[in-house]
């Protein structure tokens, strides 16, 4: 009757060791890299537990109401931060499986990589970075000192290390490979960003890229997902006609390879879907081939490793300029145009207003946020005292406010600003050919 039992963690670890590639990251021993010691689970590996903790976090659930390119109430079919995360996870798992890597580790990194993103997309990141570097003094509410800056990948690590509260200790207590992959899914900014109290041990902070192939796979999957879904959403919104999209070299190449030219005249909707599908396959296939080429060369020079000091996962020399041209096209024709329709200047004003309001009177912050501050600060704030003078010298208060704003969804930021007296001029963008949000648009 032995077949009627569950597989233990030890058995799952043994299966990994027998089936994964010799350069994959193994689960066995990964639990020892947690910042706080914990007993191992009976039937889940360390990376499975990390994935599950991220999925069950509040920060993960809030991603569904955070903008990717368009406001979350623009329409039913535009990407949000959570659908972007799911697409990154799908692409990363495809690459990981094809390369023989650890899918659980890959998925955990992918699901957690954007937990630190702000409301209103990258504009929120820009606003908070300006405030936290002292470039934006908030009209005199801050003294102009460098408070450490802001970047969403650093903030994602801060979320899983300190801000999430589900246990008897701060954070989710993830393993080092997951934490490193989350931090390094985008380039590090050592000169511009220096978060306080960030534990960077075991994260190979001396190199900008992840030391595991799984982490590198997530980083490039993030790029592929952004390129393709931003292009699709921009076409759907009517920002760029298909005829102009066809001027991009990589689009022409995949169109010719698939014979899709005639489809544009017959069924533009199907053509759009087929072009996006072809682009994804072309980019993913190129990454697989180039990664294996680099991996073979690396092994010949340095032997087989599970920890890498070089970027192995990447685009080929032929594909890299093509995908870079596509990225520039999207930035120029879609992202910039969307910023005008979204009234990003209004989003900037709203976020600056929120930061000033909390600095002026920290008691406006929720009680659970005030608990992160020293008791005397929280007590004084609870009496409703003005903290304009104190805030100028309080790095901790500014960072706590930054954490709170960064965690907001688009809708919550709008509601909170209105509660505090801000009149928002944000307008909703209605996509071309659609009367408003909803499923009428295909």
Protein backbone atom coordinates (compact mmCIF):
# COMPACT_ATOMS: atom_id res chain seq x y z
CA UNK A 1 0.00 0.00 0.00
CA UNK A 2 3.03 2.31 -0.21
CA UNK A 3 1.64 3.96 -3.33
CA UNK A 4 -1.16 5.46 -1.23
CA UNK A 5 0.85 8.08 0.62
CA UNK A 6 2.09 11.57 0.01
CA UNK A 7 5.63 12.34 -1.08
CA UNK A 8 7.75 13.79 1.67
CA UNK A 9 9.90 16.86 1.31
CA UNK A 10 13.01 14.67 1.37
CA UNK A 11 11.66 12.60 -1.53
CA UNK A 12 10.83 15.72 -3.52
CA UNK A 13 14.36 17.01 -2.94
CA UNK A 14 15.76 13.69 -4.15
CA UNK A 15 13.60 13.86 -7.29
CA UNK A 16 15.04 17.32 -7.99
CA UNK A 17 18.58 16.04 -7.64
CA UNK A 18 17.86 13.21 -10.08
CA UNK A 19 15.91 15.13 -12.71
CA UNK A 20 17.06 18.76 -12.77
CA UNK A 21 20.03 19.96 -14.80
CA UNK A 22 23.40 20.02 -13.01
CA UNK A 23 23.34 23.84 -13.09
CA UNK A 24 19.86 24.17 -11.52
CA UNK A 25 19.37 25.48 -7.98
CA UNK A 26 18.33 22.71 -5.61
CA UNK A 27 15.82 22.99 -2.78
CA UNK A 28 17.81 20.85 -0.36
CA UNK A 29 19.49 23.11 2.19
CA UNK A 30 17.78 26.27 0.91
CA UNK A 31 15.78 26.57 4.13
CA UNK A 32 19.03 27.19 5.98
CA UNK A 33 19.40 30.53 4.15
CA UNK A 34 16.30 32.05 5.78
CA UNK A 35 17.02 35.02 8.04
CA UNK A 36 15.12 33.33 10.86
CA UNK A 37 15.48 29.66 11.63
CA UNK A 38 12.40 27.54 10.95
CA UNK A 39 11.69 23.81 10.94
CA UNK A 40 11.36 22.27 7.49
CA UNK A 41 7.92 21.32 6.15
CA UNK A 42 6.81 17.70 5.90
CA UNK A 43 5.83 17.66 2.21
CA UNK A 44 6.76 21.05 0.73
CA UNK A 45 10.23 22.10 -0.35
CA UNK A 46 11.68 25.43 0.77
CA UNK A 47 10.93 27.08 -2.58
CA UNK A 48 7.36 25.78 -2.59
CA UNK A 49 6.83 27.40 0.79
CA UNK A 50 8.27 30.69 -0.46
CA UNK A 51 5.95 30.65 -3.47
CA UNK A 52 2.95 29.93 -1.26
CA UNK A 53 3.84 32.69 1.20
CA UNK A 54 4.04 35.23 -1.61
CA UNK A 55 0.70 34.18 -3.09
CA UNK A 56 -1.01 34.48 0.30
CA UNK A 57 0.49 37.89 1.07
CA UNK A 58 -1.57 41.08 1.11
CA UNK A 59 0.93 42.80 -1.18
CA UNK A 60 0.33 40.16 -3.84
CA UNK A 61 -3.44 40.61 -3.71
CA UNK A 62 -3.10 44.38 -4.11
CA UNK A 63 -1.35 43.93 -7.45
CA UNK A 64 -4.74 43.36 -9.09
CA UNK A 65 -5.58 47.04 -8.55
CA UNK A 66 -2.24 48.54 -9.58
CA UNK A 67 -1.69 50.02 -13.01
CA UNK A 68 0.58 48.43 -15.58
CA UNK A 69 0.16 51.00 -18.35
CA UNK A 70 -3.54 51.86 -18.14
CA UNK A 71 -5.61 52.66 -15.06
CA UNK A 72 -7.22 49.57 -13.62
CA UNK A 73 -10.75 50.76 -14.47
CA UNK A 74 -9.92 51.61 -18.08
CA UNK A 75 -11.20 48.30 -19.40
CA UNK A 76 -11.49 44.63 -18.60
CA UNK A 77 -8.79 43.41 -20.98
CA UNK A 78 -5.86 45.70 -20.21
CA UNK A 79 -3.06 44.33 -18.09
CA UNK A 80 -2.81 45.16 -14.42
CA UNK A 81 0.24 44.54 -12.30
CA UNK A 82 -1.06 41.11 -11.28
CA UNK A 83 -1.79 39.91 -14.82
CA UNK A 84 1.67 41.11 -15.79
CA UNK A 85 3.07 39.07 -12.90
CA UNK A 86 1.18 35.99 -14.06
CA UNK A 87 2.51 36.37 -17.60
CA UNK A 88 6.07 36.74 -16.31
CA UNK A 89 5.57 33.60 -14.23
CA UNK A 90 4.26 31.64 -17.23
CA UNK A 91 7.14 32.69 -19.48
CA UNK A 92 9.72 32.04 -16.76
CA UNK A 93 8.36 28.57 -16.02
CA UNK A 94 8.43 27.72 -19.73
CA UNK A 95 12.10 28.73 -19.92
CA UNK A 96 12.94 26.98 -16.65
CA UNK A 97 11.35 23.70 -17.70
CA UNK A 98 13.04 23.74 -21.10
CA UNK A 99 16.42 24.40 -19.46
CA UNK A 100 15.96 21.86 -16.69
CA UNK A 101 15.91 24.50 -13.93
CA UNK A 102 13.99 24.60 -10.65
CA UNK A 103 10.45 25.66 -11.54
CA UNK A 104 9.39 26.24 -7.93
CA UNK A 105 12.23 28.70 -7.38
CA UNK A 106 11.55 30.37 -10.72
CA UNK A 107 7.85 30.74 -9.96
CA UNK A 108 8.45 32.12 -6.46
CA UNK A 109 10.76 34.83 -7.81
CA UNK A 110 8.36 35.69 -10.64
CA UNK A 111 5.34 35.99 -8.37
CA UNK A 112 7.20 38.22 -5.92
CA UNK A 113 9.21 40.40 -8.27
CA UNK A 114 6.78 43.36 -8.46
CA UNK A 115 5.40 43.42 -4.90
CA UNK A 116 7.10 46.78 -4.34
CA UNK A 117 5.50 48.59 -7.26
CA UNK A 118 3.70 51.85 -6.56
CA UNK A 119 0.24 53.08 -7.52
CA UNK A 120 -0.04 54.66 -10.99
CA UNK A 121 2.76 52.59 -12.48
CA UNK A 122 6.29 53.85 -12.91
CA UNK A 123 5.26 57.48 -12.35
CA UNK A 124 4.75 56.63 -8.68
CA UNK A 125 8.25 55.19 -8.53
CA UNK A 126 9.66 58.40 -10.01
CA UNK A 127 7.80 60.59 -7.53
CA UNK A 128 8.88 58.61 -4.47
CA UNK A 129 12.49 58.43 -5.66
CA UNK A 130 12.58 62.20 -6.08
CA UNK A 131 11.28 62.70 -2.55
CA UNK A 132 13.52 60.09 -0.95
CA UNK A 133 16.67 61.43 -2.62
CA UNK A 134 15.96 65.02 -1.54
CA UNK A 135 15.50 66.30 -5.09
CA UNK A 136 11.85 67.04 -4.29
CA UNK A 137 11.63 68.91 -0.98
CA UNK A 138 7.83 68.88 -1.04
CA UNK A 139 7.62 72.67 -0.94
CA UNK A 140 9.66 72.88 2.24
CA UNK A 141 8.15 69.98 4.13
CA UNK A 142 11.46 68.11 3.79
CA UNK A 143 14.95 69.42 4.23
CA UNK A 144 16.37 68.14 0.96
CA UNK A 145 18.58 65.41 2.44
CA UNK A 146 19.13 62.07 0.76
CA UNK A 147 16.91 59.56 2.56
CA UNK A 148 17.94 56.51 0.55
CA UNK A 149 15.95 56.80 -2.67
CA UNK A 150 13.28 54.46 -4.00
CA UNK A 151 13.26 51.67 -6.57
CA UNK A 152 10.58 49.04 -6.92
CA UNK A 153 12.90 46.02 -6.89
CA UNK A 154 14.47 47.18 -3.60
CA UNK A 155 10.98 47.87 -2.30
CA UNK A 156 9.86 44.37 -3.30
CA UNK A 157 12.63 42.94 -1.14
CA UNK A 158 11.65 45.27 1.68
CA UNK A 159 8.06 44.05 1.42
CA UNK A 160 8.99 40.39 1.81
CA UNK A 161 11.67 41.08 4.43
CA UNK A 162 9.97 43.65 6.68
CA UNK A 163 6.57 45.03 5.71
CA UNK A 164 4.38 41.94 5.33
CA UNK A 165 3.02 40.91 8.73
CA UNK A 166 1.64 37.37 8.85
CA UNK A 167 3.79 35.73 11.50
CA UNK A 168 5.37 36.47 14.86
CA UNK A 169 8.14 38.34 13.05
CA UNK A 170 8.23 40.94 10.27
CA UNK A 171 8.31 39.77 6.68
CA UNK A 172 7.85 36.39 5.02
CA UNK A 173 11.28 34.93 5.91
CA UNK A 174 12.04 33.76 2.39
CA UNK A 175 15.12 31.86 1.28
CA UNK A 176 18.15 33.72 -0.09
CA UNK A 177 17.77 32.52 -3.73
CA UNK A 178 14.20 33.86 -3.86
CA UNK A 179 15.14 37.13 -2.17
CA UNK A 180 18.08 37.65 -4.51
CA UNK A 181 15.99 36.92 -7.60
CA UNK A 182 13.34 39.42 -6.48
CA UNK A 183 15.93 42.13 -5.85
CA UNK A 184 17.80 41.57 -9.10
CA UNK A 185 14.93 41.15 -11.55
CA UNK A 186 15.99 44.61 -12.67
CA UNK A 187 19.37 46.33 -12.49
CA UNK A 188 20.66 47.47 -9.12
CA UNK A 189 21.26 51.18 -8.49
CA UNK A 190 23.93 51.14 -5.79
CA UNK A 191 24.83 54.81 -6.13
CA UNK A 192 21.27 56.14 -6.15
CA UNK A 193 19.48 53.73 -3.81
CA UNK A 194 20.57 52.71 -0.31
CA UNK A 195 17.66 51.44 1.73
CA UNK A 196 18.02 51.36 5.52
CA UNK A 197 18.14 48.11 7.48
CA UNK A 198 18.31 45.91 4.37
CA UNK A 199 19.97 42.55 4.95
CA UNK A 200 21.98 41.86 1.80
CA UNK A 201 23.96 38.91 3.12
CA UNK A 202 23.98 35.89 0.83
CA UNK A 203 22.54 37.98 -2.03
CA UNK A 204 25.78 38.46 -4.01
CA UNK A 205 25.20 42.21 -3.93
CA UNK A 206 28.53 42.82 -5.66
CA UNK A 207 26.97 41.79 -9.01
CA UNK A 208 23.95 43.39 -10.66
CA UNK A 209 22.38 40.15 -11.90
CA UNK A 210 21.10 37.08 -10.06
CA UNK A 211 23.64 34.37 -9.32
CA UNK A 212 21.08 31.65 -10.10
CA UNK A 213 19.92 30.86 -13.61
CA UNK A 214 16.37 30.82 -12.25
CA UNK A 215 16.72 34.46 -11.17
CA UNK A 216 18.19 35.42 -14.53
CA UNK A 217 15.31 33.65 -16.30
CA UNK A 218 12.76 35.75 -14.39
CA UNK A 219 14.59 38.97 -15.24
CA UNK A 220 14.47 38.34 -18.98
CA UNK A 221 10.90 36.99 -18.80
CA UNK A 222 9.92 40.32 -17.25
CA UNK A 223 11.37 42.09 -20.29
CA UNK A 224 9.64 39.81 -22.78
CA UNK A 225 6.29 40.13 -21.03
CA UNK A 226 6.52 43.93 -20.93
CA UNK A 227 7.52 44.24 -24.59
CA UNK A 228 4.70 42.07 -25.86
CA UNK A 229 1.77 42.94 -23.62
CA UNK A 230 2.46 46.68 -23.70
CA UNK A 231 2.47 46.46 -27.50
CA UNK A 232 -0.78 44.50 -27.51
CA UNK A 233 -2.48 46.88 -25.08
CA UNK A 234 -1.28 49.90 -27.04
CA UNK A 235 -2.68 48.50 -30.28
CA UNK A 236 -5.97 47.65 -28.56
CA UNK A 237 -6.21 51.18 -27.15
CA UNK A 238 -5.76 52.69 -30.62
CA UNK A 239 -2.51 54.47 -29.76
CA UNK A 240 -0.65 53.01 -32.72
CA UNK A 241 -2.06 51.58 -35.98
CA UNK A 242 -1.02 48.14 -37.12
CA UNK A 243 0.53 49.62 -40.26
CA UNK A 244 3.00 51.53 -38.09
CA UNK A 245 3.70 48.52 -35.91
CA UNK A 246 4.71 46.63 -39.05
CA UNK A 247 7.55 49.13 -39.58
CA UNK A 248 9.40 47.63 -36.60
CA UNK A 249 11.98 45.15 -37.91
CA UNK A 250 11.23 42.26 -35.57
CA UNK A 251 7.53 42.55 -36.36
CA UNK A 252 8.25 42.36 -40.08
CA UNK A 253 10.45 39.33 -39.52
CA UNK A 254 7.89 37.31 -37.55
CA UNK A 255 5.15 38.35 -39.96
CA UNK A 256 7.13 37.06 -42.91
CA UNK A 257 8.14 33.88 -41.08
CA UNK A 258 4.51 33.09 -40.23
CA UNK A 259 3.00 34.38 -43.47
CA UNK A 260 0.68 36.75 -41.63
CA UNK A 261 0.61 39.59 -44.16
CA UNK A 262 -2.66 38.58 -45.79
CA UNK A 263 -4.30 38.08 -42.39
CA UNK A 264 -4.03 41.81 -41.67
CA UNK A 265 -6.51 42.57 -44.46
CA UNK A 266 -8.83 39.68 -43.67
CA UNK A 267 -8.98 39.85 -39.87
CA UNK A 268 -7.02 42.63 -38.09
CA UNK A 269 -8.10 41.34 -34.66
CA UNK A 270 -6.67 37.89 -35.36
CA UNK A 271 -3.57 39.43 -36.94
CA UNK A 272 -2.88 41.36 -33.72
CA UNK A 273 -3.16 38.20 -31.64
CA UNK A 274 -0.99 36.18 -34.00
CA UNK A 275 1.73 38.85 -34.13
CA UNK A 276 1.96 38.99 -30.33
CA UNK A 277 2.04 35.21 -30.15
CA UNK A 278 4.79 35.06 -32.79
CA UNK A 279 6.83 37.74 -31.03
CA UNK A 280 6.71 35.86 -27.74
CA UNK A 281 7.79 32.62 -29.36
CA UNK A 282 10.60 34.29 -31.28
CA UNK A 283 11.97 36.01 -28.17
CA UNK A 284 11.67 32.97 -25.91
CA UNK A 285 13.24 30.63 -28.49
CA UNK A 286 16.13 33.04 -29.00
CA UNK A 287 16.75 33.21 -25.25
CA UNK A 288 16.77 29.41 -24.98
CA UNK A 289 19.29 29.00 -27.77
CA UNK A 290 21.53 31.82 -26.63
CA UNK A 291 21.44 30.66 -23.00
CA UNK A 292 22.53 27.15 -23.96
CA UNK A 293 25.34 28.60 -26.10
CA UNK A 294 26.60 30.77 -23.24
CA UNK A 295 26.16 27.96 -20.74
CA UNK A 296 28.24 25.57 -22.82
CA UNK A 297 31.01 28.16 -23.15
CA UNK A 298 30.89 28.89 -19.40
CA UNK A 299 31.15 25.22 -18.46
CA UNK A 300 34.10 24.75 -20.78
CA UNK A 301 35.92 27.63 -19.09
CA UNK A 302 34.90 27.19 -15.45
CA UNK A 303 33.19 23.82 -15.06
CA UNK A 304 29.66 23.04 -13.90
CA UNK A 305 28.24 25.42 -11.29
CA UNK A 306 24.93 26.23 -9.65
CA UNK A 307 26.02 29.77 -8.73
CA UNK A 308 27.05 32.04 -11.61
CA UNK A 309 29.24 35.13 -11.73
CA UNK A 310 28.26 35.92 -15.33
CA UNK A 311 24.99 36.67 -17.10
CA UNK A 312 24.15 33.45 -18.86
CA UNK A 313 20.50 34.04 -19.75
CA UNK A 314 20.06 36.64 -22.47
CA UNK A 315 19.25 37.57 -26.05
CA UNK A 316 21.57 36.70 -28.89
CA UNK A 317 23.69 39.31 -30.63
CA UNK A 318 21.25 39.20 -33.54
CA UNK A 319 18.09 39.51 -31.43
CA UNK A 320 19.27 42.07 -28.89
CA UNK A 321 19.14 45.13 -31.20
CA UNK A 322 15.78 44.00 -32.55
CA UNK A 323 14.16 43.72 -29.14
CA UNK A 324 15.78 47.01 -28.10
CA UNK A 325 14.24 48.71 -31.16
CA UNK A 326 10.87 47.24 -30.21
CA UNK A 327 11.27 48.56 -26.68
CA UNK A 328 12.08 52.07 -27.97
CA UNK A 329 9.07 51.95 -30.29
CA UNK A 330 6.74 51.00 -27.43
CA UNK A 331 8.16 53.70 -25.19
CA UNK A 332 7.73 56.36 -27.86
CA UNK A 333 4.42 55.36 -29.42
CA UNK A 334 2.56 53.82 -26.47
CA UNK A 335 4.02 54.64 -23.05
CA UNK A 336 4.51 58.35 -23.80
CA UNK A 337 1.07 58.66 -25.41
CA UNK A 338 -0.55 56.83 -22.52
CA UNK A 339 1.08 59.21 -20.05
CA UNK A 340 -0.71 62.14 -21.74
CA UNK A 341 -4.10 60.44 -21.64
CA UNK A 342 -3.54 59.32 -18.05
CA UNK A 343 -2.74 62.87 -16.93
CA UNK A 344 0.42 61.77 -15.13
CA UNK A 345 0.94 65.30 -13.83
CA UNK A 346 -2.24 64.85 -11.82
CA UNK A 347 -0.93 61.55 -10.40
CA UNK A 348 2.29 63.33 -9.42
CA UNK A 349 0.32 66.05 -7.62
CA UNK A 350 -1.81 63.48 -5.81
CA UNK A 351 1.17 61.44 -4.54
CA UNK A 352 3.05 64.57 -3.44
CA UNK A 353 -0.06 65.74 -1.62
CA UNK A 354 -0.33 62.43 0.25
CA UNK A 355 3.31 62.54 1.32
CA UNK A 356 3.00 66.13 2.58
CA UNK A 357 -0.24 65.38 4.41
CA UNK A 358 1.32 62.49 6.32
CA UNK A 359 4.45 64.50 7.12
CA UNK A 360 2.40 67.39 8.44
CA UNK A 361 0.35 65.11 10.69
CA UNK A 362 1.51 61.49 11.03
CA UNK A 363 -1.65 60.67 13.01
CA UNK A 364 -3.36 60.53 9.61
CA UNK A 365 -1.49 57.28 9.01
CA UNK A 366 -3.30 54.04 9.91
CA UNK A 367 -2.56 52.62 13.35
CA UNK A 368 -0.78 49.57 11.94
CA UNK A 369 1.59 51.88 10.06
CA UNK A 370 2.26 54.05 13.11
CA UNK A 371 3.29 50.90 14.96
CA UNK A 372 6.40 50.76 12.77
CA UNK A 373 7.58 54.07 14.28
CA UNK A 374 9.29 54.46 17.68
CA UNK A 375 6.76 54.53 20.50
CA UNK A 376 7.40 58.15 21.41
CA UNK A 377 6.88 59.26 17.81
CA UNK A 378 3.68 57.28 17.54
CA UNK A 379 2.42 58.59 20.87
CA UNK A 380 3.08 62.20 19.95
CA UNK A 381 1.52 61.67 16.56
CA UNK A 382 -1.51 60.19 18.25
CA UNK A 383 -2.05 63.51 20.03
CA UNK A 384 -2.45 65.13 16.62
CA UNK A 385 0.66 67.30 16.83
CA UNK A 386 2.07 68.87 13.68
CA UNK A 387 5.26 67.13 12.60
CA UNK A 388 6.48 69.51 9.93
CA UNK A 389 9.66 70.36 11.87
CA UNK A 390 10.19 66.85 13.18
CA UNK A 391 9.63 65.26 9.81
CA UNK A 392 12.49 67.21 8.28
CA UNK A 393 14.91 65.26 10.46
CA UNK A 394 13.12 61.93 10.61
CA UNK A 395 14.44 59.44 8.07
CA UNK A 396 12.35 56.69 9.66
CA UNK A 397 9.12 58.67 9.40
CA UNK A 398 9.75 59.52 5.75
CA UNK A 399 10.60 55.91 4.92
CA UNK A 400 7.48 54.70 6.73
CA UNK A 401 5.31 57.12 4.76
CA UNK A 402 7.06 56.02 1.57
CA UNK A 403 6.31 52.38 2.41
CA UNK A 404 2.65 53.17 3.01
CA UNK A 405 2.19 55.10 -0.23
CA UNK A 406 4.12 52.54 -2.28
CA UNK A 407 1.79 49.81 -1.04
CA UNK A 408 -1.38 51.63 -2.11
CA UNK A 409 -3.47 50.56 -5.06
CA UNK A 410 -4.54 53.17 -7.60
CA UNK A 411 -8.05 53.30 -6.19
CA UNK A 412 -6.95 53.52 -2.58
CA UNK A 413 -4.54 56.37 -3.34
CA UNK A 414 -7.37 58.31 -5.01
CA UNK A 415 -9.76 57.62 -2.13
CA UNK A 416 -7.19 58.47 0.54
CA UNK A 417 -6.23 61.73 -1.14
CA UNK A 418 -9.88 62.74 -1.37
CA UNK A 419 -10.36 61.88 2.31
CA UNK A 420 -7.51 64.22 3.20
CA UNK A 421 -8.91 67.06 1.09
CA UNK A 422 -7.24 66.70 -2.29
CA UNK A 423 -9.35 67.36 -5.38
CA UNK A 424 -8.02 65.03 -8.06
CA UNK A 425 -8.01 66.01 -11.71
CA UNK A 426 -7.28 62.47 -12.85
CA UNK A 427 -9.42 61.60 -15.82
CA UNK A 428 -10.31 58.19 -17.09
CA UNK A 429 -9.18 57.20 -20.55
CA UNK A 430 -11.77 55.44 -22.74
CA UNK A 431 -10.08 53.22 -25.34
CA UNK A 432 -10.69 53.83 -29.02
CA UNK A 433 -13.95 52.35 -30.25
CA UNK A 434 -15.27 51.68 -26.76
CA UNK A 435 -17.79 53.72 -24.83
CA UNK A 436 -16.18 52.89 -21.53
CA UNK A 437 -14.76 50.10 -19.41
CA UNK A 438 -16.21 46.68 -19.92
CA UNK A 439 -16.13 43.53 -21.96
CA UNK A 440 -17.56 45.00 -25.18
CA UNK A 441 -14.01 45.47 -26.47
CA UNK A 442 -12.49 42.23 -27.73
